[in-house]
Amino acid sequence: MAKIDLNCDLGESFGRYTLGLDAEVLPYVTSANIACGFHAGDPTVMASTVALAEKNHVALGAHPGLPDLMGFGRRKMQITPAEAKDYVQYQVGALAAFSQTGKLHHVKPHGALYNMAARDYDLARGICLGIKAVDPTLILFGLANSQLIKAAQDVNLPYAQEIFADRNYLADGSLVPRSQPNAMVTDEETAVKRTIAMIESQSVTAVDGQKIALKPDSVCVHGDSAKAVAFVQKIHAALLAAGIDVRAV
């Protein structure tokens, strides 16, 4: 039987500002990637989101990003691999401190940091070393076939290859940038069907029609849209109906 993890980026509120539908989404996912205060989140939001994830028995993960609250971590920054290591180590350690056990399950870089490292091996290696410095058993969630996965393999860090339910792909296996109009898959039924096809065929069709081979371990769904809960419910139900075992990596 095929199996897949269903992950979601959560804990992205900040102070008086609320973003996402964390409590409603959590019952339908198996892994939570929780913001660590750099791109979103704050200590109080981190504490409450960790508690909520643990209450729902969802695998707990850190979602470290670039230090860019104004840009939500989606703007590129010039950082060195050493800085990437330090940024990740700092954020992962901070989130782990809020867990009842003091231990996390995984780490998924956020936004621009994720996409930059997917292409840049040295940056990806810095991220992996930052994770290892906190806990070498943590699983790196990285874009399937990307430099993040290669770096994790090279430094002997556990990893999970990630696909996206609602994002389009370029021919090189990277995601279409959000700045482009075709970046998102906006039709829910199309996104659900395509996700099932990616898992069953172990491939995805890029925007230019090329087939890209991949071996997905986890599917990312976003919890910050108006239809987020309905979408997560639909994709969870469709996976089960297709005979796919939905559980944490």
C-alpha atoms as a PDB file:
ATOM      1  CA  MET A   1       0.000   0.000   0.000  1.00  0.00           C
ATOM      2  CA  ALA A   2       1.232   3.473  -0.867  1.00  0.00           C
ATOM      3  CA  LYS A   3       1.657   5.806   2.068  1.00  0.00           C
ATOM      4  CA  ILE A   4       2.024   9.552   2.390  1.00  0.00           C
ATOM      5  CA  ASP A   5       2.453  12.211   5.046  1.00  0.00           C
ATOM      6  CA  LEU A   6       0.212  15.285   4.909  1.00  0.00           C
ATOM      7  CA  ASN A   7       1.980  18.388   6.207  1.00  0.00           C
ATOM      8  CA  CYS A   8       0.892  21.982   6.734  1.00  0.00           C
ATOM      9  CA  ASP A   9       2.648  25.251   7.615  1.00  0.00           C
ATOM     10  CA  LEU A  10       1.176  26.575  10.863  1.00  0.00           C
ATOM     11  CA  GLY A  11       1.793  29.020  13.713  1.00  0.00           C
ATOM     12  CA  GLU A  12       2.204  31.950  11.351  1.00  0.00           C
ATOM     13  CA  SER A  13       0.207  34.490  13.358  1.00  0.00           C
ATOM     14  CA  PHE A  14       2.082  37.321  15.060  1.00  0.00           C
ATOM     15  CA  GLY A  15       1.069  39.492  17.995  1.00  0.00           C
ATOM     16  CA  ARG A  16      -2.395  40.889  17.275  1.00  0.00           C
ATOM     17  CA  TYR A  17      -2.403  39.512  13.716  1.00  0.00           C
ATOM     18  CA  THR A  18      -4.015  36.153  13.033  1.00  0.00           C
ATOM     19  CA  LEU A  19      -3.106  34.129   9.967  1.00  0.00           C
ATOM     20  CA  GLY A  20      -4.337  30.675   9.066  1.00  0.00           C
ATOM     21  CA  LEU A  21      -6.888  28.243  10.421  1.00  0.00           C
ATOM     22  CA  ASP A  22      -4.592  26.123  12.559  1.00  0.00           C
ATOM     23  CA  ALA A  23      -7.124  24.575  14.929  1.00  0.00           C
ATOM     24  CA  GLU A  24      -9.464  23.601  12.096  1.00  0.00           C
ATOM     25  CA  VAL A  25      -6.723  22.169   9.853  1.00  0.00           C
ATOM     26  CA  LEU A  26      -4.796  20.141  12.443  1.00  0.00           C
ATOM     27  CA  PRO A  27      -7.255  17.212  12.712  1.00  0.00           C
ATOM     28  CA  TYR A  28      -6.679  16.396   9.025  1.00  0.00           C
ATOM     29  CA  VAL A  29      -2.871  16.559   8.745  1.00  0.00           C
ATOM     30  CA  THR A  30      -0.153  14.295  10.089  1.00  0.00           C
ATOM     31  CA  SER A  31       2.741  16.769  10.345  1.00  0.00           C
ATOM     32  CA  ALA A  32       2.840  20.419  11.435  1.00  0.00           C
ATOM     33  CA  ASN A  33       5.564  22.848  10.349  1.00  0.00           C
ATOM     34  CA  ILE A  34       5.518  25.620  12.953  1.00  0.00           C
ATOM     35  CA  ALA A  35       6.981  29.080  12.348  1.00  0.00           C
ATOM     36  CA  CYS A  36       9.836  29.969  14.679  1.00  0.00           C
ATOM     37  CA  GLY A  37       9.676  33.763  14.897  1.00  0.00           C
ATOM     38  CA  PHE A  38      11.874  34.851  11.986  1.00  0.00           C
ATOM     39  CA  HIS A  39       9.358  35.015   9.098  1.00  0.00           C
ATOM     40  CA  ALA A  40       6.253  34.714  11.276  1.00  0.00           C
ATOM     41  CA  GLY A  41       5.146  33.624  14.726  1.00  0.00           C
ATOM     42  CA  ASP A  42       6.255  34.826  18.137  1.00  0.00           C
ATOM     43  CA  PRO A  43       6.972  33.033  21.434  1.00  0.00           C
ATOM     44  CA  THR A  44       3.327  33.026  22.508  1.00  0.00           C
ATOM     45  CA  VAL A  45       2.108  31.799  19.121  1.00  0.00           C
ATOM     46  CA  MET A  46       4.852  29.160  19.074  1.00  0.00           C
ATOM     47  CA  ALA A  47       3.847  27.889  22.519  1.00  0.00           C
ATOM     48  CA  SER A  48       0.134  27.694  21.729  1.00  0.00           C
ATOM     49  CA  THR A  49       0.644  26.088  18.309  1.00  0.00           C
ATOM     50  CA  VAL A  50       3.000  23.436  19.685  1.00  0.00           C
ATOM     51  CA  ALA A  51       0.474  22.623  22.407  1.00  0.00           C
ATOM     52  CA  LEU A  52      -2.330  22.386  19.858  1.00  0.00           C
ATOM     53  CA  ALA A  53      -0.302  20.122  17.563  1.00  0.00           C
ATOM     54  CA  GLU A  54       0.638  17.835  20.443  1.00  0.00           C
ATOM     55  CA  LYS A  55      -2.991  17.703  21.562  1.00  0.00           C
ATOM     56  CA  ASN A  56      -3.937  16.507  18.065  1.00  0.00           C
ATOM     57  CA  HIS A  57      -1.077  13.949  18.048  1.00  0.00           C
ATOM     58  CA  VAL A  58       0.440  15.557  14.953  1.00  0.00           C
ATOM     59  CA  ALA A  59       4.175  15.187  14.264  1.00  0.00           C
ATOM     60  CA  LEU A  60       5.899  18.348  15.433  1.00  0.00           C
ATOM     61  CA  GLY A  61       8.235  20.194  13.103  1.00  0.00           C
ATOM     62  CA  ALA A  62      10.112  23.498  12.960  1.00  0.00           C
ATOM     63  CA  HIS A  63       9.569  25.852  10.031  1.00  0.00           C
ATOM     64  CA  PRO A  64      12.632  28.139  10.067  1.00  0.00           C
ATOM     65  CA  GLY A  65      12.799  31.034   7.652  1.00  0.00           C
ATOM     66  CA  LEU A  66      14.748  34.135   6.776  1.00  0.00           C
ATOM     67  CA  PRO A  67      14.690  37.036   9.277  1.00  0.00           C
ATOM     68  CA  ASP A  68      12.048  38.970   7.323  1.00  0.00           C
ATOM     69  CA  LEU A  69       8.742  39.524   9.127  1.00  0.00           C
ATOM     70  CA  MET A  70       7.748  42.332   6.754  1.00  0.00           C
ATOM     71  CA  GLY A  71       8.171  40.103   3.718  1.00  0.00           C
ATOM     72  CA  PHE A  72       6.892  36.908   5.374  1.00  0.00           C
ATOM     73  CA  GLY A  73      10.196  35.243   4.531  1.00  0.00           C
ATOM     74  CA  ARG A  74       9.364  35.176   0.831  1.00  0.00           C
ATOM     75  CA  ARG A  75      11.974  37.732  -0.268  1.00  0.00           C
ATOM     76  CA  LYS A  76      15.421  36.508  -1.245  1.00  0.00           C
ATOM     77  CA  MET A  77      18.302  37.570   0.982  1.00  0.00           C
ATOM     78  CA  GLN A  78      22.024  37.231   0.452  1.00  0.00           C
ATOM     79  CA  ILE A  79      23.167  34.910   3.242  1.00  0.00           C
ATOM     80  CA  THR A  80      26.155  32.617   3.573  1.00  0.00           C
ATOM     81  CA  PRO A  81      25.915  28.881   4.271  1.00  0.00           C
ATOM     82  CA  ALA A  82      27.336  29.588   7.747  1.00  0.00           C
ATOM     83  CA  GLU A  83      24.590  32.125   8.401  1.00  0.00           C
ATOM     84  CA  ALA A  84      21.991  29.654   7.155  1.00  0.00           C
ATOM     85  CA  LYS A  85      23.315  27.088   9.619  1.00  0.00           C
ATOM     86  CA  ASP A  86      23.095  29.551  12.505  1.00  0.00           C
ATOM     87  CA  TYR A  87      19.623  30.804  11.554  1.00  0.00           C
ATOM     88  CA  VAL A  88      18.275  27.263  11.371  1.00  0.00           C
ATOM     89  CA  GLN A  89      20.009  26.040  14.523  1.00  0.00           C
ATOM     90  CA  TYR A  90      18.642  29.022  16.478  1.00  0.00           C
ATOM     91  CA  GLN A  91      15.051  28.581  15.296  1.00  0.00           C
ATOM     92  CA  VAL A  92      14.897  24.805  15.609  1.00  0.00           C
ATOM     93  CA  GLY A  93      16.290  24.972  19.133  1.00  0.00           C
ATOM     94  CA  ALA A  94      13.787  27.664  20.082  1.00  0.00           C
ATOM     95  CA  LEU A  95      10.778  25.667  18.906  1.00  0.00           C
ATOM     96  CA  ALA A  96      11.990  22.460  20.559  1.00  0.00           C
ATOM     97  CA  ALA A  97      12.011  24.276  23.895  1.00  0.00           C
ATOM     98  CA  PHE A  98       8.209  24.565  23.729  1.00  0.00           C
ATOM     99  CA  SER A  99       7.574  20.847  23.259  1.00  0.00           C
ATOM    100  CA  GLN A 100       6.504  18.796  26.264  1.00  0.00           C
ATOM    101  CA  THR A 101       9.222  16.285  25.378  1.00  0.00           C
ATOM    102  CA  GLY A 102      11.774  18.844  24.209  1.00  0.00           C
ATOM    103  CA  LYS A 103      12.043  16.905  20.951  1.00  0.00           C
ATOM    104  CA  LEU A 104      10.842  17.600  17.426  1.00  0.00           C
ATOM    105  CA  HIS A 105      10.099  15.212  14.576  1.00  0.00           C
ATOM    106  CA  HIS A 106      11.224  17.197  11.529  1.00  0.00           C
ATOM    107  CA  VAL A 107      12.365  20.511  10.054  1.00  0.00           C
ATOM    108  CA  LYS A 108      11.039  22.167   6.910  1.00  0.00           C
ATOM    109  CA  PRO A 109      12.652  25.423   5.756  1.00  0.00           C
ATOM    110  CA  HIS A 110      10.224  28.172   4.819  1.00  0.00           C
ATOM    111  CA  GLY A 111       9.608  30.285   1.735  1.00  0.00           C
ATOM    112  CA  ALA A 112      12.596  31.921   0.079  1.00  0.00           C
ATOM    113  CA  LEU A 113      15.049  29.988   2.250  1.00  0.00           C
ATOM    114  CA  TYR A 114      13.468  26.716   1.073  1.00  0.00           C
ATOM    115  CA  ASN A 115      13.462  27.705  -2.601  1.00  0.00           C
ATOM    116  CA  MET A 116      16.984  29.160  -2.536  1.00  0.00           C
ATOM    117  CA  ALA A 117      18.360  26.015  -0.891  1.00  0.00           C
ATOM    118  CA  ALA A 118      16.496  23.790  -3.337  1.00  0.00           C
ATOM    119  CA  ARG A 119      18.855  25.141  -6.015  1.00  0.00           C
ATOM    120  CA  ASP A 120      21.968  26.045  -3.985  1.00  0.00           C
ATOM    121  CA  TYR A 121      23.843  23.022  -2.622  1.00  0.00           C
ATOM    122  CA  ASP A 122      26.105  24.986  -0.267  1.00  0.00           C
ATOM    123  CA  LEU A 123      23.125  26.785   1.283  1.00  0.00           C
ATOM    124  CA  ALA A 124      21.251  23.481   1.577  1.00  0.00           C
ATOM    125  CA  ARG A 125      24.245  21.901   3.311  1.00  0.00           C
ATOM    126  CA  GLY A 126      24.380  24.794   5.779  1.00  0.00           C
ATOM    127  CA  ILE A 127      20.718  24.211   6.618  1.00  0.00           C
ATOM    128  CA  CYS A 128      21.319  20.491   7.118  1.00  0.00           C
ATOM    129  CA  LEU A 129      24.274  21.162   9.411  1.00  0.00           C
ATOM    130  CA  GLY A 130      22.130  23.561  11.450  1.00  0.00           C
ATOM    131  CA  ILE A 131      19.548  20.830  11.918  1.00  0.00           C
ATOM    132  CA  LYS A 132      22.186  18.259  12.860  1.00  0.00           C
ATOM    133  CA  ALA A 133      23.648  20.603  15.452  1.00  0.00           C
ATOM    134  CA  VAL A 134      20.345  20.477  17.335  1.00  0.00           C
ATOM    135  CA  ASP A 135      19.395  16.845  16.755  1.00  0.00           C
ATOM    136  CA  PRO A 136      20.855  14.541  14.061  1.00  0.00           C
ATOM    137  CA  THR A 137      17.713  12.369  14.104  1.00  0.00           C
ATOM    138  CA  LEU A 138      15.444  15.168  12.858  1.00  0.00           C
ATOM    139  CA  ILE A 139      13.973  14.618   9.388  1.00  0.00           C
ATOM    140  CA  LEU A 140      14.574  17.307   6.772  1.00  0.00           C
ATOM    141  CA  PHE A 141      11.502  18.002   4.626  1.00  0.00           C
ATOM    142  CA  GLY A 142      12.794  19.206   1.245  1.00  0.00           C
ATOM    143  CA  LEU A 143      11.558  19.631  -2.305  1.00  0.00           C
ATOM    144  CA  ALA A 144      11.718  16.296  -4.108  1.00  0.00           C
ATOM    145  CA  ASN A 145      14.926  15.813  -6.146  1.00  0.00           C
ATOM    146  CA  SER A 146      16.332  19.152  -4.972  1.00  0.00           C
ATOM    147  CA  GLN A 147      19.712  20.149  -3.570  1.00  0.00           C
ATOM    148  CA  LEU A 148      18.160  19.984  -0.099  1.00  0.00           C
ATOM    149  CA  ILE A 149      17.711  16.241  -0.539  1.00  0.00           C
ATOM    150  CA  LYS A 150      21.218  15.792  -1.966  1.00  0.00           C
ATOM    151  CA  ALA A 151      22.758  17.728   0.929  1.00  0.00           C
ATOM    152  CA  ALA A 152      20.814  15.680   3.488  1.00  0.00           C
ATOM    153  CA  GLN A 153      22.078  12.483   1.867  1.00  0.00           C
ATOM    154  CA  ASP A 154      25.661  13.748   1.899  1.00  0.00           C
ATOM    155  CA  VAL A 155      25.653  14.720   5.597  1.00  0.00           C
ATOM    156  CA  ASN A 156      23.717  11.600   6.648  1.00  0.00           C
ATOM    157  CA  LEU A 157      20.606  13.469   7.786  1.00  0.00           C
ATOM    158  CA  PRO A 158      17.193  11.734   7.539  1.00  0.00           C
ATOM    159  CA  TYR A 159      15.006  13.319   4.880  1.00  0.00           C
ATOM    160  CA  ALA A 160      11.531  13.249   3.341  1.00  0.00           C
ATOM    161  CA  GLN A 161      10.900  14.253  -0.257  1.00  0.00           C
ATOM    162  CA  GLU A 162       8.080  16.759  -0.463  1.00  0.00           C
ATOM    163  CA  ILE A 163       5.519  17.532  -3.154  1.00  0.00           C
ATOM    164  CA  PHE A 164       2.956  20.338  -3.257  1.00  0.00           C
ATOM    165  CA  ALA A 165      -0.765  19.834  -3.752  1.00  0.00           C
ATOM    166  CA  ASP A 166      -1.480  23.380  -4.921  1.00  0.00           C
ATOM    167  CA  ARG A 167       1.722  24.517  -6.677  1.00  0.00           C
ATOM    168  CA  ASN A 168       2.819  24.160 -10.293  1.00  0.00           C
ATOM    169  CA  TYR A 169       6.257  22.878 -11.317  1.00  0.00           C
ATOM    170  CA  LEU A 170       8.927  23.988 -13.771  1.00  0.00           C
ATOM    171  CA  ALA A 171      10.743  21.512 -16.005  1.00  0.00           C
ATOM    172  CA  ASP A 172      13.746  21.386 -13.649  1.00  0.00           C
ATOM    173  CA  GLY A 173      11.536  20.181 -10.787  1.00  0.00           C
ATOM    174  CA  SER A 174      11.437  23.529  -8.975  1.00  0.00           C
ATOM    175  CA  LEU A 175       8.223  25.352  -8.101  1.00  0.00           C
ATOM    176  CA  VAL A 176       6.844  28.064 -10.350  1.00  0.00           C
ATOM    177  CA  PRO A 177       7.657  31.338  -8.512  1.00  0.00           C
ATOM    178  CA  ARG A 178       4.714  32.919  -6.709  1.00  0.00           C
ATOM    179  CA  SER A 179       5.348  36.093  -8.710  1.00  0.00           C
ATOM    180  CA  GLN A 180       4.059  34.313 -11.821  1.00  0.00           C
ATOM    181  CA  PRO A 181       0.312  33.991 -12.501  1.00  0.00           C
ATOM    182  CA  ASN A 182       0.393  30.209 -12.923  1.00  0.00           C
ATOM    183  CA  ALA A 183       2.232  29.486  -9.668  1.00  0.00           C
ATOM    184  CA  MET A 184      -0.811  28.124  -7.839  1.00  0.00           C
ATOM    185  CA  VAL A 185      -3.289  25.367  -8.665  1.00  0.00           C
ATOM    186  CA  THR A 186      -6.476  27.172  -7.709  1.00  0.00           C
ATOM    187  CA  ASP A 187      -9.075  24.537  -8.611  1.00  0.00           C
ATOM    188  CA  GLU A 188      -9.458  22.186  -5.643  1.00  0.00           C
ATOM    189  CA  GLU A 189     -10.587  19.141  -7.619  1.00  0.00           C
ATOM    190  CA  THR A 190      -7.643  19.497  -9.986  1.00  0.00           C
ATOM    191  CA  ALA A 191      -5.226  19.786  -7.064  1.00  0.00           C
ATOM    192  CA  VAL A 192      -6.657  16.703  -5.366  1.00  0.00           C
ATOM    193  CA  LYS A 193      -6.577  14.572  -8.527  1.00  0.00           C
ATOM    194  CA  ARG A 194      -3.069  15.712  -9.375  1.00  0.00           C
ATOM    195  CA  THR A 195      -1.830  14.859  -5.883  1.00  0.00           C
ATOM    196  CA  ILE A 196      -3.197  11.321  -6.131  1.00  0.00           C
ATOM    197  CA  ALA A 197      -1.584  10.976  -9.572  1.00  0.00           C
ATOM    198  CA  MET A 198       1.797  12.216  -8.264  1.00  0.00           C
ATOM    199  CA  ILE A 199       1.788   9.605  -5.521  1.00  0.00           C
ATOM    200  CA  GLU A 200       0.574   6.715  -7.666  1.00  0.00           C
ATOM    201  CA  SER A 201       2.682   7.452 -10.788  1.00  0.00           C
ATOM    202  CA  GLN A 202       5.664   8.868  -8.852  1.00  0.00           C
ATOM    203  CA  SER A 203       5.832  11.750 -11.304  1.00  0.00           C
ATOM    204  CA  VAL A 204       4.463  15.240 -11.928  1.00  0.00           C
ATOM    205  CA  THR A 205       3.761  17.107 -15.152  1.00  0.00           C
ATOM    206  CA  ALA A 206       5.520  20.460 -15.395  1.00  0.00           C
ATOM    207  CA  VAL A 207       3.896  23.567 -16.870  1.00  0.00           C
ATOM    208  CA  ASP A 208       5.641  22.889 -20.203  1.00  0.00           C
ATOM    209  CA  GLY A 209       4.232  19.343 -20.353  1.00  0.00           C
ATOM    210  CA  GLN A 210       7.406  17.501 -19.339  1.00  0.00           C
ATOM    211  CA  LYS A 211       7.128  14.583 -16.912  1.00  0.00           C
ATOM    212  CA  ILE A 212       9.339  14.741 -13.830  1.00  0.00           C
ATOM    213  CA  ALA A 213      10.065  11.547 -11.894  1.00  0.00           C
ATOM    214  CA  LEU A 214       9.856  11.779  -8.102  1.00  0.00           C
ATOM    215  CA  LYS A 215       9.337   9.633  -5.015  1.00  0.00           C
ATOM    216  CA  PRO A 216       7.107  11.610  -2.656  1.00  0.00           C
ATOM    217  CA  ASP A 217       7.093  11.027   1.087  1.00  0.00           C
ATOM    218  CA  SER A 218       5.009  14.056   2.116  1.00  0.00           C
ATOM    219  CA  VAL A 219       2.432  16.386   0.565  1.00  0.00           C
ATOM    220  CA  CYS A 220       2.270  20.038   1.607  1.00  0.00           C
ATOM    221  CA  VAL A 221      -1.116  21.709   1.887  1.00  0.00           C
ATOM    222  CA  HIS A 222      -1.450  25.369   2.830  1.00  0.00           C
ATOM    223  CA  GLY A 223      -3.676  26.378   5.739  1.00  0.00           C
ATOM    224  CA  ASP A 224      -3.897  30.130   5.199  1.00  0.00           C
ATOM    225  CA  SER A 225      -6.548  30.457   2.491  1.00  0.00           C
ATOM    226  CA  ALA A 226     -10.276  30.982   2.917  1.00  0.00           C
ATOM    227  CA  LYS A 227     -10.983  27.461   1.648  1.00  0.00           C
ATOM    228  CA  ALA A 228      -8.094  25.816   3.500  1.00  0.00           C
ATOM    229  CA  VAL A 229     -10.148  23.578   5.789  1.00  0.00           C
ATOM    230  CA  ALA A 230     -12.396  22.295   2.999  1.00  0.00           C
ATOM    231  CA  PHE A 231      -9.369  21.640   0.810  1.00  0.00           C
ATOM    232  CA  VAL A 232      -7.476  19.745   3.500  1.00  0.00           C
ATOM    233  CA  GLN A 233     -10.595  17.695   4.253  1.00  0.00           C
ATOM    234  CA  LYS A 234     -11.037  16.843   0.566  1.00  0.00           C
ATOM    235  CA  ILE A 235      -7.447  15.824  -0.014  1.00  0.00           C
ATOM    236  CA  HIS A 236      -7.364  13.741   3.181  1.00  0.00           C
ATOM    237  CA  ALA A 237     -10.571  11.926   2.186  1.00  0.00           C
ATOM    238  CA  ALA A 238      -9.391  11.413  -1.402  1.00  0.00           C
ATOM    239  CA  LEU A 239      -6.102   9.870  -0.277  1.00  0.00           C
ATOM    240  CA  LEU A 240      -7.913   7.397   1.952  1.00  0.00           C
ATOM    241  CA  ALA A 241     -10.434   6.603  -0.804  1.00  0.00           C
ATOM    242  CA  ALA A 242      -7.541   5.849  -3.157  1.00  0.00           C
ATOM    243  CA  GLY A 243      -6.174   3.324  -0.644  1.00  0.00           C
ATOM    244  CA  ILE A 244      -3.226   5.511   0.350  1.00  0.00           C
ATOM    245  CA  ASP A 245      -2.164   5.279   3.980  1.00  0.00           C
ATOM    246  CA  VAL A 246      -2.015   8.794   5.432  1.00  0.00           C
ATOM    247  CA  ARG A 247       0.492   8.979   8.293  1.00  0.00           C
ATOM    248  CA  ALA A 248       3.580  10.839   9.435  1.00  0.00           C
ATOM    249  CA  VAL A 249       6.912   9.981   7.823  1.00  0.00           C
END
